[in-house]
Amino acid sequence: MTLSYKARRRWSLVLLLIGLPLYIVVAVSIMNWLNRPPFIVELLVYAILGVLWAIPFKFVFKGIGQADPDAKD
């Protein structure tokens, strides 16, 4: 099942505006629950988590910055 360009564009907005802030809150909550490790370790964990959240949604974000391929000129 492939998503249309419009659907991918809408889902990318939902993920960026709702999903990403929720993910950030969860990541910060977990780091605080673990009694905040040293700054360098904390920075490394946040950098890794910042990349990992997008990997499952790569297919949604792919090609969103381009013009609609199905649009008529």
C-alpha atoms as a PDB file:
ATOM      1  CA  MET A   1       0.000   0.000   0.000  1.00  0.00           C
ATOM      2  CA  THR A   2       1.560   3.257  -1.106  1.00  0.00           C
ATOM      3  CA  LEU A   3       0.460   6.658   0.053  1.00  0.00           C
ATOM      4  CA  SER A   4      -0.331   9.419  -2.373  1.00  0.00           C
ATOM      5  CA  TYR A   5       1.734  12.586  -2.347  1.00  0.00           C
ATOM      6  CA  LYS A   6      -1.038  14.499  -0.538  1.00  0.00           C
ATOM      7  CA  ALA A   7      -1.404  11.792   2.093  1.00  0.00           C
ATOM      8  CA  ARG A   8       2.351  11.650   2.699  1.00  0.00           C
ATOM      9  CA  ARG A   9       2.423  15.425   3.001  1.00  0.00           C
ATOM     10  CA  ARG A  10      -0.403  15.409   5.560  1.00  0.00           C
ATOM     11  CA  TRP A  11       1.129  12.563   7.551  1.00  0.00           C
ATOM     12  CA  SER A  12       4.496  14.316   7.602  1.00  0.00           C
ATOM     13  CA  LEU A  13       2.828  17.396   9.102  1.00  0.00           C
ATOM     14  CA  VAL A  14       1.086  15.282  11.728  1.00  0.00           C
ATOM     15  CA  LEU A  15       4.343  13.553  12.609  1.00  0.00           C
ATOM     16  CA  LEU A  16       6.271  16.823  12.854  1.00  0.00           C
ATOM     17  CA  LEU A  17       3.640  18.837  14.714  1.00  0.00           C
ATOM     18  CA  ILE A  18       2.258  16.182  17.063  1.00  0.00           C
ATOM     19  CA  GLY A  19       4.499  13.119  17.036  1.00  0.00           C
ATOM     20  CA  LEU A  20       7.876  14.799  17.383  1.00  0.00           C
ATOM     21  CA  PRO A  21       6.938  16.961  20.410  1.00  0.00           C
ATOM     22  CA  LEU A  22       5.470  13.893  22.121  1.00  0.00           C
ATOM     23  CA  TYR A  23       8.637  11.945  21.366  1.00  0.00           C
ATOM     24  CA  ILE A  24      10.750  14.760  22.825  1.00  0.00           C
ATOM     25  CA  VAL A  25       8.688  14.813  26.027  1.00  0.00           C
ATOM     26  CA  VAL A  26       9.052  11.038  26.401  1.00  0.00           C
ATOM     27  CA  ALA A  27      12.815  11.160  25.745  1.00  0.00           C
ATOM     28  CA  VAL A  28      13.365  13.952  28.278  1.00  0.00           C
ATOM     29  CA  SER A  29      11.167  12.198  30.835  1.00  0.00           C
ATOM     30  CA  ILE A  30      13.159   8.989  30.480  1.00  0.00           C
ATOM     31  CA  MET A  31      16.474  10.848  30.787  1.00  0.00           C
ATOM     32  CA  ASN A  32      15.251  12.594  33.945  1.00  0.00           C
ATOM     33  CA  TRP A  33      14.005   9.283  35.316  1.00  0.00           C
ATOM     34  CA  LEU A  34      17.536   7.884  34.853  1.00  0.00           C
ATOM     35  CA  ASN A  35      18.999  10.606  37.118  1.00  0.00           C
ATOM     36  CA  ARG A  36      20.560  12.621  34.278  1.00  0.00           C
ATOM     37  CA  PRO A  37      23.896  11.158  33.188  1.00  0.00           C
ATOM     38  CA  PRO A  38      26.952  13.381  32.488  1.00  0.00           C
ATOM     39  CA  PHE A  39      26.437  16.121  29.893  1.00  0.00           C
ATOM     40  CA  ILE A  40      28.399  14.436  27.076  1.00  0.00           C
ATOM     41  CA  VAL A  41      26.524  11.147  27.502  1.00  0.00           C
ATOM     42  CA  GLU A  42      23.200  12.980  27.652  1.00  0.00           C
ATOM     43  CA  LEU A  43      24.057  14.933  24.498  1.00  0.00           C
ATOM     44  CA  LEU A  44      25.030  11.731  22.698  1.00  0.00           C
ATOM     45  CA  VAL A  45      21.782  10.003  23.723  1.00  0.00           C
ATOM     46  CA  TYR A  46      19.685  12.956  22.533  1.00  0.00           C
ATOM     47  CA  ALA A  47      21.553  13.067  19.218  1.00  0.00           C
ATOM     48  CA  ILE A  48      20.984   9.352  18.638  1.00  0.00           C
ATOM     49  CA  LEU A  49      17.318   9.578  19.627  1.00  0.00           C
ATOM     50  CA  GLY A  50      16.926  12.612  17.366  1.00  0.00           C
ATOM     51  CA  VAL A  51      17.898  10.530  14.365  1.00  0.00           C
ATOM     52  CA  LEU A  52      16.214   7.275  15.377  1.00  0.00           C
ATOM     53  CA  TRP A  53      12.694   8.703  15.548  1.00  0.00           C
ATOM     54  CA  ALA A  54      12.681   9.467  11.819  1.00  0.00           C
ATOM     55  CA  ILE A  55      13.934   6.110  10.528  1.00  0.00           C
ATOM     56  CA  PRO A  56      10.550   4.314  10.707  1.00  0.00           C
ATOM     57  CA  PHE A  57       8.903   7.247   8.924  1.00  0.00           C
ATOM     58  CA  LYS A  58      11.459   7.620   6.141  1.00  0.00           C
ATOM     59  CA  PHE A  59       8.914   6.587   3.492  1.00  0.00           C
ATOM     60  CA  VAL A  60       6.551   9.356   4.635  1.00  0.00           C
ATOM     61  CA  PHE A  61       9.132  12.133   4.388  1.00  0.00           C
ATOM     62  CA  LYS A  62      10.746  10.966   1.149  1.00  0.00           C
ATOM     63  CA  GLY A  63      10.077  13.457  -1.673  1.00  0.00           C
ATOM     64  CA  ILE A  64       7.887  15.827   0.366  1.00  0.00           C
ATOM     65  CA  GLY A  65      10.071  18.832  -0.467  1.00  0.00           C
ATOM     66  CA  GLN A  66       9.633  18.256  -4.206  1.00  0.00           C
ATOM     67  CA  ALA A  67       6.785  19.393  -6.399  1.00  0.00           C
ATOM     68  CA  ASP A  68       3.764  17.106  -6.617  1.00  0.00           C
ATOM     69  CA  PRO A  69       4.642  14.497  -9.254  1.00  0.00           C
ATOM     70  CA  ASP A  70       0.952  13.876 -10.019  1.00  0.00           C
ATOM     71  CA  ALA A  71       0.011  17.547 -10.446  1.00  0.00           C
ATOM     72  CA  LYS A  72      -0.855  18.795 -13.896  1.00  0.00           C
ATOM     73  CA  ASP A  73       1.194  21.774 -15.036  1.00  0.00           C
END
